[in-house]
PDB file of N, CA and C in Angstrom:
ATOM      1  N   MET A   1    -136.218  39.492 -75.596  1.00  0.00           N
ATOM      2  CA  MET A   1    -137.462  40.185 -75.290  1.00  0.00           C
ATOM      3  C   MET A   1    -138.626  39.410 -75.890  1.00  0.00           C
ATOM      4  N   ASN A   2    -139.623  39.130 -75.084  1.00  0.00           N
ATOM      5  CA  ASN A   2    -140.809  38.447 -75.566  1.00  0.00           C
ATOM      6  C   ASN A   2    -141.705  39.429 -76.295  1.00  0.00           C
ATOM      7  N   LYS A   3    -142.346  38.951 -77.368  1.00  0.00           N
ATOM      8  CA  LYS A   3    -143.132  39.830 -78.226  1.00  0.00           C
ATOM      9  C   LYS A   3    -144.623  39.549 -78.180  1.00  0.00           C
ATOM     10  N   GLY A   4    -145.068  38.673 -77.289  1.00  0.00           N
ATOM     11  CA  GLY A   4    -146.492  38.394 -77.165  1.00  0.00           C
ATOM     12  C   GLY A   4    -146.994  37.429 -78.225  1.00  0.00           C
ATOM     13  N   ILE A   5    -148.306  37.324 -78.319  1.00  0.00           N
ATOM     14  CA  ILE A   5    -148.927  36.402 -79.275  1.00  0.00           C
ATOM     15  C   ILE A   5    -148.883  37.028 -80.660  1.00  0.00           C
ATOM     16  N   LYS A   6    -148.245  36.329 -81.590  1.00  0.00           N
ATOM     17  CA  LYS A   6    -148.185  36.795 -82.968  1.00  0.00           C
ATOM     18  C   LYS A   6    -148.624  35.716 -83.951  1.00  0.00           C
ATOM     19  N   THR A   7    -148.817  34.505 -83.450  1.00  0.00           N
ATOM     20  CA  THR A   7    -149.193  33.387 -84.311  1.00  0.00           C
ATOM     21  C   THR A   7    -150.332  32.614 -83.661  1.00  0.00           C
ATOM     22  N   VAL A   8    -151.355  32.315 -84.459  1.00  0.00           N
ATOM     23  CA  VAL A   8    -152.486  31.505 -84.010  1.00  0.00           C
ATOM     24  C   VAL A   8    -152.651  30.377 -85.021  1.00  0.00           C
ATOM     25  N   ILE A   9    -152.677  29.137 -84.514  1.00  0.00           N
ATOM     26  CA  ILE A   9    -152.790  27.961 -85.370  1.00  0.00           C
ATOM     27  C   ILE A   9    -154.121  27.270 -85.108  1.00  0.00           C
ATOM     28  N   TYR A  10    -154.836  26.985 -86.204  1.00  0.00           N
ATOM     29  CA  TYR A  10    -156.111  26.275 -86.136  1.00  0.00           C
ATOM     30  C   TYR A  10    -155.962  24.902 -86.782  1.00  0.00           C
ATOM     31  N   PRO A  11    -156.125  23.807 -86.029  1.00  0.00           N
ATOM     32  CA  PRO A  11    -156.187  22.481 -86.644  1.00  0.00           C
ATOM     33  C   PRO A  11    -157.565  22.315 -87.302  1.00  0.00           C
ATOM     34  N   VAL A  12    -157.580  21.889 -88.560  1.00  0.00           N
ATOM     35  CA  VAL A  12    -158.841  21.792 -89.301  1.00  0.00           C
ATOM     36  C   VAL A  12    -158.943  20.433 -89.994  1.00  0.00           C
ATOM     37  N   THR A  13    -160.170  19.978 -90.196  1.00  0.00           N
ATOM     38  CA  THR A  13    -160.392  18.682 -90.844  1.00  0.00           C
ATOM     39  C   THR A  13    -160.395  18.783 -92.360  1.00  0.00           C
ATOM     40  N   ASP A  14    -160.679  19.949 -92.907  1.00  0.00           N
ATOM     41  CA  ASP A  14    -160.712  20.137 -94.358  1.00  0.00           C
ATOM     42  C   ASP A  14    -159.921  21.400 -94.698  1.00  0.00           C
ATOM     43  N   MET A  15    -158.671  21.206 -95.120  1.00  0.00           N
ATOM     44  CA  MET A  15    -157.785  22.347 -95.387  1.00  0.00           C
ATOM     45  C   MET A  15    -158.348  23.250 -96.490  1.00  0.00           C
ATOM     46  N   SER A  16    -158.871  22.660 -97.557  1.00  0.00           N
ATOM     47  CA  SER A  16    -159.384  23.465 -98.680  1.00  0.00           C
ATOM     48  C   SER A  16    -160.574  24.321 -98.263  1.00  0.00           C
ATOM     49  N   ARG A  17    -161.516  23.715 -97.572  1.00  0.00           N
ATOM     50  CA  ARG A  17    -162.704  24.446 -97.125  1.00  0.00           C
ATOM     51  C   ARG A  17    -162.313  25.564 -96.158  1.00  0.00           C
ATOM     52  N   SER A  18    -161.420  25.257 -95.228  1.00  0.00           N
ATOM     53  CA  SER A  18    -161.002  26.258 -94.244  1.00  0.00           C
ATOM     54  C   SER A  18    -160.206  27.378 -94.893  1.00  0.00           C
ATOM     55  N   LYS A  19    -159.396  27.042 -95.897  1.00  0.00           N
ATOM     56  CA  LYS A  19    -158.634  28.075 -96.610  1.00  0.00           C
ATOM     57  C   LYS A  19    -159.583  29.094 -97.234  1.00  0.00           C
ATOM     58  N   VAL A  20    -160.627  28.620 -97.899  1.00  0.00           N
ATOM     59  CA  VAL A  20    -161.601  29.512 -98.524  1.00  0.00           C
ATOM     60  C   VAL A  20    -162.281  30.386 -97.466  1.00  0.00           C
ATOM     61  N   MET A  21    -162.672  29.774 -96.342  1.00  0.00           N
ATOM     62  CA  MET A  21    -163.338  30.527 -95.284  1.00  0.00           C
ATOM     63  C   MET A  21    -162.429  31.637 -94.747  1.00  0.00           C
ATOM     64  N   PHE A  22    -161.155  31.305 -94.453  1.00  0.00           N
ATOM     65  CA  PHE A  22    -160.242  32.309 -93.905  1.00  0.00           C
ATOM     66  C   PHE A  22    -159.871  33.360 -94.942  1.00  0.00           C
ATOM     67  N   GLN A  23    -159.771  32.992 -96.224  1.00  0.00           N
ATOM     68  CA  GLN A  23    -159.531  33.993 -97.267  1.00  0.00           C
ATOM     69  C   GLN A  23    -160.649  35.035 -97.266  1.00  0.00           C
ATOM     70  N   LYS A  24    -161.880  34.557 -97.191  1.00  0.00           N
ATOM     71  CA  LYS A  24    -163.023  35.470 -97.175  1.00  0.00           C
ATOM     72  C   LYS A  24    -163.062  36.291 -95.887  1.00  0.00           C
ATOM     73  N   LEU A  25    -162.834  35.634 -94.749  1.00  0.00           N
ATOM     74  CA  LEU A  25    -162.871  36.312 -93.459  1.00  0.00           C
ATOM     75  C   LEU A  25    -161.784  37.379 -93.348  1.00  0.00           C
ATOM     76  N   LEU A  26    -160.559  37.031 -93.738  1.00  0.00           N
ATOM     77  CA  LEU A  26    -159.420  37.935 -93.566  1.00  0.00           C
ATOM     78  C   LEU A  26    -159.211  38.881 -94.747  1.00  0.00           C
ATOM     79  N   GLY A  27    -159.769  38.539 -95.906  1.00  0.00           N
ATOM     80  CA  GLY A  27    -159.636  39.398 -97.078  1.00  0.00           C
ATOM     81  C   GLY A  27    -158.246  39.397 -97.694  1.00  0.00           C
ATOM     82  N   VAL A  28    -157.481  38.318 -97.472  1.00  0.00           N
ATOM     83  CA  VAL A  28    -156.138  38.198 -98.057  1.00  0.00           C
ATOM     84  C   VAL A  28    -155.927  36.782 -98.568  1.00  0.00           C
ATOM     85  N   GLU A  29    -155.000  36.654 -99.520  1.00  0.00           N
ATOM     86  CA  GLU A  29    -154.579  35.349-100.015  1.00  0.00           C
ATOM     87  C   GLU A  29    -153.540  34.770 -99.059  1.00  0.00           C
ATOM     88  N   PRO A  30    -153.419  33.455 -98.976  1.00  0.00           N
ATOM     89  CA  PRO A  30    -152.391  32.873 -98.113  1.00  0.00           C
ATOM     90  C   PRO A  30    -150.986  33.147 -98.656  1.00  0.00           C
ATOM     91  N   TYR A  31    -150.028  33.364 -97.758  1.00  0.00           N
ATOM     92  CA  TYR A  31    -148.627  33.519 -98.160  1.00  0.00           C
ATOM     93  C   TYR A  31    -147.955  32.153 -98.262  1.00  0.00           C
ATOM     94  N   ALA A  32    -148.530  31.138 -97.593  1.00  0.00           N
ATOM     95  CA  ALA A  32    -148.038  29.769 -97.670  1.00  0.00           C
ATOM     96  C   ALA A  32    -149.245  28.872 -97.911  1.00  0.00           C
ATOM     97  N   ASP A  33    -149.123  27.953 -98.848  1.00  0.00           N
ATOM     98  CA  ASP A  33    -150.241  27.071 -99.176  1.00  0.00           C
ATOM     99  C   ASP A  33    -149.690  25.679 -99.470  1.00  0.00           C
ATOM    100  N   GLN A  34    -149.496  24.914 -98.405  1.00  0.00           N
ATOM    101  CA  GLN A  34    -148.945  23.568 -98.493  1.00  0.00           C
ATOM    102  C   GLN A  34    -149.930  22.593 -97.847  1.00  0.00           C
ATOM    103  N   PRO A  35    -149.838  21.305 -98.158  1.00  0.00           N
ATOM    104  CA  PRO A  35    -150.746  20.338 -97.539  1.00  0.00           C
ATOM    105  C   PRO A  35    -150.642  20.306 -96.010  1.00  0.00           C
ATOM    106  N   TYR A  36    -149.482  20.685 -95.469  1.00  0.00           N
ATOM    107  CA  TYR A  36    -149.263  20.625 -94.019  1.00  0.00           C
ATOM    108  C   TYR A  36    -149.414  21.981 -93.336  1.00  0.00           C
ATOM    109  N   TYR A  37    -149.537  23.069 -94.108  1.00  0.00           N
ATOM    110  CA  TYR A  37    -149.658  24.403 -93.497  1.00  0.00           C
ATOM    111  C   TYR A  37    -150.167  25.404 -94.522  1.00  0.00           C
ATOM    112  N   ILE A  38    -151.199  26.146 -94.152  1.00  0.00           N
ATOM    113  CA  ILE A  38    -151.678  27.282 -94.939  1.00  0.00           C
ATOM    114  C   ILE A  38    -151.584  28.490 -94.025  1.00  0.00           C
ATOM    115  N   GLY A  39    -150.835  29.515 -94.450  1.00  0.00           N
ATOM    116  CA  GLY A  39    -150.602  30.670 -93.596  1.00  0.00           C
ATOM    117  C   GLY A  39    -151.093  31.968 -94.199  1.00  0.00           C
ATOM    118  N   PHE A  40    -151.677  32.789 -93.365  1.00  0.00           N
ATOM    119  CA  PHE A  40    -152.148  34.121 -93.733  1.00  0.00           C
ATOM    120  C   PHE A  40    -151.436  35.140 -92.862  1.00  0.00           C
ATOM    121  N   LYS A  41    -151.061  36.278 -93.435  1.00  0.00           N
ATOM    122  CA  LYS A  41    -150.436  37.377 -92.678  1.00  0.00           C
ATOM    123  C   LYS A  41    -151.375  38.571 -92.688  1.00  0.00           C
ATOM    124  N   ILE A  42    -151.628  39.101 -91.487  1.00  0.00           N
ATOM    125  CA  ILE A  42    -152.375  40.341 -91.318  1.00  0.00           C
ATOM    126  C   ILE A  42    -151.466  41.237 -90.485  1.00  0.00           C
ATOM    127  N   GLU A  43    -150.806  42.196 -91.132  1.00  0.00           N
ATOM    128  CA  GLU A  43    -149.779  43.020 -90.493  1.00  0.00           C
ATOM    129  C   GLU A  43    -148.755  42.093 -89.844  1.00  0.00           C
ATOM    130  N   SER A  44    -148.560  42.127 -88.530  1.00  0.00           N
ATOM    131  CA  SER A  44    -147.570  41.250 -87.902  1.00  0.00           C
ATOM    132  C   SER A  44    -148.198  39.992 -87.313  1.00  0.00           C
ATOM    133  N   GLN A  45    -149.470  39.751 -87.583  1.00  0.00           N
ATOM    134  CA  GLN A  45    -150.186  38.572 -87.071  1.00  0.00           C
ATOM    135  C   GLN A  45    -150.156  37.462 -88.107  1.00  0.00           C
ATOM    136  N   ASP A  46    -149.842  36.251 -87.664  1.00  0.00           N
ATOM    137  CA  ASP A  46    -149.821  35.084 -88.534  1.00  0.00           C
ATOM    138  C   ASP A  46    -150.959  34.163 -88.127  1.00  0.00           C
ATOM    139  N   ILE A  47    -151.829  33.824 -89.083  1.00  0.00           N
ATOM    140  CA  ILE A  47    -152.923  32.892 -88.852  1.00  0.00           C
ATOM    141  C   ILE A  47    -152.608  31.656 -89.682  1.00  0.00           C
ATOM    142  N   GLY A  48    -152.522  30.493 -89.027  1.00  0.00           N
ATOM    143  CA  GLY A  48    -152.159  29.275 -89.735  1.00  0.00           C
ATOM    144  C   GLY A  48    -153.202  28.189 -89.600  1.00  0.00           C
ATOM    145  N   LEU A  49    -153.317  27.391 -90.660  1.00  0.00           N
ATOM    146  CA  LEU A  49    -154.183  26.220 -90.674  1.00  0.00           C
ATOM    147  C   LEU A  49    -153.295  24.994 -90.819  1.00  0.00           C
ATOM    148  N   VAL A  50    -153.548  23.974 -90.000  1.00  0.00           N
ATOM    149  CA  VAL A  50    -152.817  22.715 -90.085  1.00  0.00           C
ATOM    150  C   VAL A  50    -153.820  21.571 -90.072  1.00  0.00           C
ATOM    151  N   PRO A  51    -153.466  20.419 -90.651  1.00  0.00           N
ATOM    152  CA  PRO A  51    -154.384  19.278 -90.599  1.00  0.00           C
ATOM    153  C   PRO A  51    -154.624  18.839 -89.156  1.00  0.00           C
ATOM    154  N   LYS A  52    -155.867  18.576 -88.847  1.00  0.00           N
ATOM    155  CA  LYS A  52    -156.219  18.128 -87.491  1.00  0.00           C
ATOM    156  C   LYS A  52    -155.901  16.647 -87.396  1.00  0.00           C
ATOM    157  N   ASN A  53    -154.946  16.312 -86.533  1.00  0.00           N
ATOM    158  CA  ASN A  53    -154.508  14.929 -86.374  1.00  0.00           C
ATOM    159  C   ASN A  53    -155.026  14.294 -85.089  1.00  0.00           C
ATOM    160  N   ALA A  54    -155.416  15.105 -84.126  1.00  0.00           N
ATOM    161  CA  ALA A  54    -155.840  14.572 -82.829  1.00  0.00           C
ATOM    162  C   ALA A  54    -156.793  15.566 -82.192  1.00  0.00           C
ATOM    163  N   GLU A  55    -157.200  15.253 -80.974  1.00  0.00           N
ATOM    164  CA  GLU A  55    -158.058  16.174 -80.232  1.00  0.00           C
ATOM    165  C   GLU A  55    -157.300  17.459 -79.939  1.00  0.00           C
ATOM    166  N   GLY A  56    -158.015  18.501 -79.751  1.00  0.00           N
ATOM    167  CA  GLY A  56    -157.398  19.780 -79.443  1.00  0.00           C
ATOM    168  C   GLY A  56    -157.884  20.826 -80.423  1.00  0.00           C
ATOM    169  N   GLY A  57    -157.717  22.049 -80.033  1.00  0.00           N
ATOM    170  CA  GLY A  57    -158.200  23.124 -80.878  1.00  0.00           C
ATOM    171  C   GLY A  57    -157.121  24.153 -81.136  1.00  0.00           C
ATOM    172  N   MET A  58    -157.544  25.368 -81.322  1.00  0.00           N
ATOM    173  CA  MET A  58    -156.686  26.485 -81.653  1.00  0.00           C
ATOM    174  C   MET A  58    -155.607  26.672 -80.584  1.00  0.00           C
ATOM    175  N   THR A  59    -154.408  27.017 -81.039  1.00  0.00           N
ATOM    176  CA  THR A  59    -153.313  27.312 -80.125  1.00  0.00           C
ATOM    177  C   THR A  59    -152.734  28.674 -80.474  1.00  0.00           C
ATOM    178  N   ALA A  60    -152.640  29.538 -79.476  1.00  0.00           N
ATOM    179  CA  ALA A  60    -151.967  30.824 -79.639  1.00  0.00           C
ATOM    180  C   ALA A  60    -150.490  30.603 -79.306  1.00  0.00           C
ATOM    181  N   PHE A  61    -149.608  31.152 -80.156  1.00  0.00           N
ATOM    182  CA  PHE A  61    -148.175  30.996 -79.958  1.00  0.00           C
ATOM    183  C   PHE A  61    -147.561  32.312 -79.532  1.00  0.00           C
ATOM    184  N   TYR A  62    -146.899  32.284 -78.385  1.00  0.00           N
ATOM    185  CA  TYR A  62    -146.156  33.437 -77.885  1.00  0.00           C
ATOM    186  C   TYR A  62    -144.773  33.425 -78.523  1.00  0.00           C
ATOM    187  N   HIS A  63    -144.367  34.551 -79.058  1.00  0.00           N
ATOM    188  CA  HIS A  63    -143.024  34.686 -79.616  1.00  0.00           C
ATOM    189  C   HIS A  63    -142.101  35.095 -78.479  1.00  0.00           C
ATOM    190  N   VAL A  64    -141.120  34.237 -78.195  1.00  0.00           N
ATOM    191  CA  VAL A  64    -140.248  34.414 -77.035  1.00  0.00           C
ATOM    192  C   VAL A  64    -138.784  34.442 -77.458  1.00  0.00           C
ATOM    193  N   ALA A  65    -137.957  35.012 -76.606  1.00  0.00           N
ATOM    194  CA  ALA A  65    -136.520  35.095 -76.873  1.00  0.00           C
ATOM    195  C   ALA A  65    -135.801  33.811 -76.458  1.00  0.00           C
ATOM    196  N   ASP A  66    -136.333  33.073 -75.470  1.00  0.00           N
ATOM    197  CA  ASP A  66    -135.695  31.876 -74.939  1.00  0.00           C
ATOM    198  C   ASP A  66    -136.746  30.778 -74.801  1.00  0.00           C
ATOM    199  N   ILE A  67    -136.886  29.953 -75.832  1.00  0.00           N
ATOM    200  CA  ILE A  67    -137.953  28.954 -75.839  1.00  0.00           C
ATOM    201  C   ILE A  67    -137.764  27.904 -74.749  1.00  0.00           C
ATOM    202  N   LYS A  68    -136.539  27.466 -74.534  1.00  0.00           N
ATOM    203  CA  LYS A  68    -136.299  26.434 -73.504  1.00  0.00           C
ATOM    204  C   LYS A  68    -136.617  26.973 -72.115  1.00  0.00           C
ATOM    205  N   GLY A  69    -136.207  28.191 -71.834  1.00  0.00           N
ATOM    206  CA  GLY A  69    -136.515  28.808 -70.543  1.00  0.00           C
ATOM    207  C   GLY A  69    -137.999  29.050 -70.373  1.00  0.00           C
ATOM    208  N   SER A  70    -138.657  29.484 -71.446  1.00  0.00           N
ATOM    209  CA  SER A  70    -140.103  29.743 -71.385  1.00  0.00           C
ATOM    210  C   SER A  70    -140.874  28.448 -71.190  1.00  0.00           C
ATOM    211  N   LEU A  71    -140.452  27.360 -71.869  1.00  0.00           N
ATOM    212  CA  LEU A  71    -141.109  26.068 -71.694  1.00  0.00           C
ATOM    213  C   LEU A  71    -140.913  25.567 -70.257  1.00  0.00           C
ATOM    214  N   GLN A  72    -139.741  25.798 -69.707  1.00  0.00           N
ATOM    215  CA  GLN A  72    -139.474  25.379 -68.330  1.00  0.00           C
ATOM    216  C   GLN A  72    -140.362  26.132 -67.346  1.00  0.00           C
ATOM    217  N   ILE A  73    -140.606  27.421 -67.595  1.00  0.00           N
ATOM    218  CA  ILE A  73    -141.507  28.198 -66.741  1.00  0.00           C
ATOM    219  C   ILE A  73    -142.894  27.549 -66.721  1.00  0.00           C
ATOM    220  N   LEU A  74    -143.375  27.133 -67.896  1.00  0.00           N
ATOM    221  CA  LEU A  74    -144.687  26.488 -67.972  1.00  0.00           C
ATOM    222  C   LEU A  74    -144.693  25.164 -67.213  1.00  0.00           C
ATOM    223  N   VAL A  75    -143.652  24.355 -67.403  1.00  0.00           N
ATOM    224  CA  VAL A  75    -143.561  23.061 -66.717  1.00  0.00           C
ATOM    225  C   VAL A  75    -143.484  23.258 -65.208  1.00  0.00           C
ATOM    226  N   ASP A  76    -142.686  24.219 -64.771  1.00  0.00           N
ATOM    227  CA  ASP A  76    -142.565  24.499 -63.332  1.00  0.00           C
ATOM    228  C   ASP A  76    -143.898  24.915 -62.714  1.00  0.00           C
ATOM    229  N   ALA A  77    -144.778  25.481 -63.545  1.00  0.00           N
ATOM    230  CA  ALA A  77    -146.097  25.905 -63.063  1.00  0.00           C
ATOM    231  C   ALA A  77    -147.131  24.775 -63.172  1.00  0.00           C
ATOM    232  N   GLY A  78    -146.674  23.581 -63.589  1.00  0.00           N
ATOM    233  CA  GLY A  78    -147.573  22.434 -63.640  1.00  0.00           C
ATOM    234  C   GLY A  78    -148.081  22.069 -65.016  1.00  0.00           C
ATOM    235  N   ALA A  79    -147.605  22.745 -66.063  1.00  0.00           N
ATOM    236  CA  ALA A  79    -148.048  22.425 -67.422  1.00  0.00           C
ATOM    237  C   ALA A  79    -147.417  21.117 -67.890  1.00  0.00           C
ATOM    238  N   GLU A  80    -148.102  20.465 -68.812  1.00  0.00           N
ATOM    239  CA  GLU A  80    -147.639  19.215 -69.414  1.00  0.00           C
ATOM    240  C   GLU A  80    -147.168  19.517 -70.835  1.00  0.00           C
ATOM    241  N   ILE A  81    -145.997  19.050 -71.191  1.00  0.00           N
ATOM    242  CA  ILE A  81    -145.468  19.301 -72.540  1.00  0.00           C
ATOM    243  C   ILE A  81    -146.273  18.515 -73.568  1.00  0.00           C
ATOM    244  N   ILE A  82    -146.736  19.212 -74.594  1.00  0.00           N
ATOM    245  CA  ILE A  82    -147.425  18.590 -75.726  1.00  0.00           C
ATOM    246  C   ILE A  82    -146.409  18.328 -76.834  1.00  0.00           C
ATOM    247  N   GLN A  83    -145.612  19.351 -77.160  1.00  0.00           N
ATOM    248  CA  GLN A  83    -144.606  19.274 -78.214  1.00  0.00           C
ATOM    249  C   GLN A  83    -143.278  19.772 -77.651  1.00  0.00           C
ATOM    250  N   GLU A  84    -142.305  18.880 -77.573  1.00  0.00           N
ATOM    251  CA  GLU A  84    -140.959  19.295 -77.166  1.00  0.00           C
ATOM    252  C   GLU A  84    -140.439  20.308 -78.176  1.00  0.00           C
ATOM    253  N   THR A  85    -139.417  21.053 -77.816  1.00  0.00           N
ATOM    254  CA  THR A  85    -138.818  22.030 -78.719  1.00  0.00           C
ATOM    255  C   THR A  85    -138.382  21.336 -80.004  1.00  0.00           C
ATOM    256  N   LYS A  86    -138.797  21.925 -81.121  1.00  0.00           N
ATOM    257  CA  LYS A  86    -138.560  21.324 -82.437  1.00  0.00           C
ATOM    258  C   LYS A  86    -138.194  22.424 -83.419  1.00  0.00           C
ATOM    259  N   ASN A  87    -137.174  22.178 -84.246  1.00  0.00           N
ATOM    260  CA  ASN A  87    -136.795  23.115 -85.297  1.00  0.00           C
ATOM    261  C   ASN A  87    -137.688  22.842 -86.500  1.00  0.00           C
ATOM    262  N   VAL A  88    -138.430  23.865 -86.934  1.00  0.00           N
ATOM    263  CA  VAL A  88    -139.334  23.701 -88.074  1.00  0.00           C
ATOM    264  C   VAL A  88    -138.779  24.354 -89.332  1.00  0.00           C
ATOM    265  N   GLY A  89    -137.501  24.690 -89.314  1.00  0.00           N
ATOM    266  CA  GLY A  89    -136.834  25.242 -90.489  1.00  0.00           C
ATOM    267  C   GLY A  89    -136.519  26.711 -90.351  1.00  0.00           C
ATOM    268  N   GLY A  90    -135.457  27.114 -90.989  1.00  0.00           N
ATOM    269  CA  GLY A  90    -135.067  28.512 -90.984  1.00  0.00           C
ATOM    270  C   GLY A  90    -134.678  29.031 -89.615  1.00  0.00           C
ATOM    271  N   GLY A  91    -134.285  28.140 -88.710  1.00  0.00           N
ATOM    272  CA  GLY A  91    -133.912  28.563 -87.368  1.00  0.00           C
ATOM    273  C   GLY A  91    -135.078  28.799 -86.431  1.00  0.00           C
ATOM    274  N   ARG A  92    -136.292  28.571 -86.889  1.00  0.00           N
ATOM    275  CA  ARG A  92    -137.488  28.776 -86.064  1.00  0.00           C
ATOM    276  C   ARG A  92    -137.732  27.537 -85.214  1.00  0.00           C
ATOM    277  N   LEU A  93    -137.864  27.760 -83.909  1.00  0.00           N
ATOM    278  CA  LEU A  93    -138.142  26.692 -82.955  1.00  0.00           C
ATOM    279  C   LEU A  93    -139.568  26.836 -82.447  1.00  0.00           C
ATOM    280  N   ILE A  94    -140.252  25.707 -82.269  1.00  0.00           N
ATOM    281  CA  ILE A  94    -141.594  25.728 -81.682  1.00  0.00           C
ATOM    282  C   ILE A  94    -141.660  24.707 -80.554  1.00  0.00           C
ATOM    283  N   ALA A  95    -142.567  24.935 -79.634  1.00  0.00           N
ATOM    284  CA  ALA A  95    -142.873  24.001 -78.552  1.00  0.00           C
ATOM    285  C   ALA A  95    -144.270  24.347 -78.060  1.00  0.00           C
ATOM    286  N   SER A  96    -144.896  23.410 -77.356  1.00  0.00           N
ATOM    287  CA  SER A  96    -146.198  23.725 -76.774  1.00  0.00           C
ATOM    288  C   SER A  96    -146.430  22.891 -75.526  1.00  0.00           C
ATOM    289  N   ALA A  97    -147.303  23.405 -74.693  1.00  0.00           N
ATOM    290  CA  ALA A  97    -147.645  22.755 -73.432  1.00  0.00           C
ATOM    291  C   ALA A  97    -149.125  22.970 -73.144  1.00  0.00           C
ATOM    292  N   LYS A  98    -149.657  22.133 -72.257  1.00  0.00           N
ATOM    293  CA  LYS A  98    -151.045  22.254 -71.832  1.00  0.00           C
ATOM    294  C   LYS A  98    -151.036  22.598 -70.345  1.00  0.00           C
ATOM    295  N   ASP A  99    -151.705  23.711 -69.995  1.00  0.00           N
ATOM    296  CA  ASP A  99    -151.725  24.121 -68.590  1.00  0.00           C
ATOM    297  C   ASP A  99    -152.713  23.271 -67.801  1.00  0.00           C
ATOM    298  N   LYS A 100    -152.796  23.507 -66.494  1.00  0.00           N
ATOM    299  CA  LYS A 100    -153.653  22.722 -65.600  1.00  0.00           C
ATOM    300  C   LYS A 100    -155.136  22.833 -65.954  1.00  0.00           C
ATOM    301  N   ASP A 101    -155.508  23.884 -66.704  1.00  0.00           N
ATOM    302  CA  ASP A 101    -156.898  24.060 -67.114  1.00  0.00           C
ATOM    303  C   ASP A 101    -157.179  23.467 -68.484  1.00  0.00           C
ATOM    304  N   GLY A 102    -156.167  22.822 -69.101  1.00  0.00           N
ATOM    305  CA  GLY A 102    -156.345  22.205 -70.398  1.00  0.00           C
ATOM    306  C   GLY A 102    -156.108  23.119 -71.579  1.00  0.00           C
ATOM    307  N   ASN A 103    -155.617  24.340 -71.338  1.00  0.00           N
ATOM    308  CA  ASN A 103    -155.351  25.282 -72.420  1.00  0.00           C
ATOM    309  C   ASN A 103    -154.001  24.991 -73.061  1.00  0.00           C
ATOM    310  N   SER A 104    -153.966  24.982 -74.402  1.00  0.00           N
ATOM    311  CA  SER A 104    -152.706  24.832 -75.120  1.00  0.00           C
ATOM    312  C   SER A 104    -152.011  26.180 -75.178  1.00  0.00           C
ATOM    313  N   ILE A 105    -150.705  26.167 -74.877  1.00  0.00           N
ATOM    314  CA  ILE A 105    -149.887  27.373 -74.938  1.00  0.00           C
ATOM    315  C   ILE A 105    -148.708  27.063 -75.853  1.00  0.00           C
ATOM    316  N   GLY A 106    -148.624  27.801 -76.955  1.00  0.00           N
ATOM    317  CA  GLY A 106    -147.550  27.579 -77.912  1.00  0.00           C
ATOM    318  C   GLY A 106    -146.445  28.598 -77.728  1.00  0.00           C
ATOM    319  N   LEU A 107    -145.229  28.186 -78.078  1.00  0.00           N
ATOM    320  CA  LEU A 107    -144.053  29.065 -78.005  1.00  0.00           C
ATOM    321  C   LEU A 107    -143.322  29.006 -79.335  1.00  0.00           C
ATOM    322  N   ILE A 108    -142.821  30.156 -79.773  1.00  0.00           N
ATOM    323  CA  ILE A 108    -141.999  30.251 -80.983  1.00  0.00           C
ATOM    324  C   ILE A 108    -140.789  31.097 -80.662  1.00  0.00           C
ATOM    325  N   GLU A 109    -139.632  30.614 -81.096  1.00  0.00           N
ATOM    326  CA  GLU A 109    -138.394  31.407 -81.022  1.00  0.00           C
ATOM    327  C   GLU A 109    -137.815  31.465 -82.423  1.00  0.00           C
ATOM    328  N   ASN A 110    -137.575  32.683 -82.908  1.00  0.00           N
ATOM    329  CA  ASN A 110    -136.963  32.859 -84.232  1.00  0.00           C
ATOM    330  C   ASN A 110    -135.472  32.953 -84.121  1.00  0.00           C
TER     331      ASN A 110
END
């Protein structure tokens, strides 16, 4: 069963500055604070900051039951794969694609 958007990732140029801004905006401390990822939890919503390595902006991640099938649906509709399915630890898989309008669509399977 797909659970909709539960994770939003923002690529940022200054992790420290952005961490302070999101702490103030969200009113919570980060649950994860690493050089490669700073994460905030608001109920079941995850807001993450990652170092900006290339062009592109915020990506909303849909939590899905079948990441490979969901990625194939996007490709069949004309999307271009940005990130092939990758295990990021703890059994969590991520992938992302860019649709015909240039929008990034992220997928997560736990």
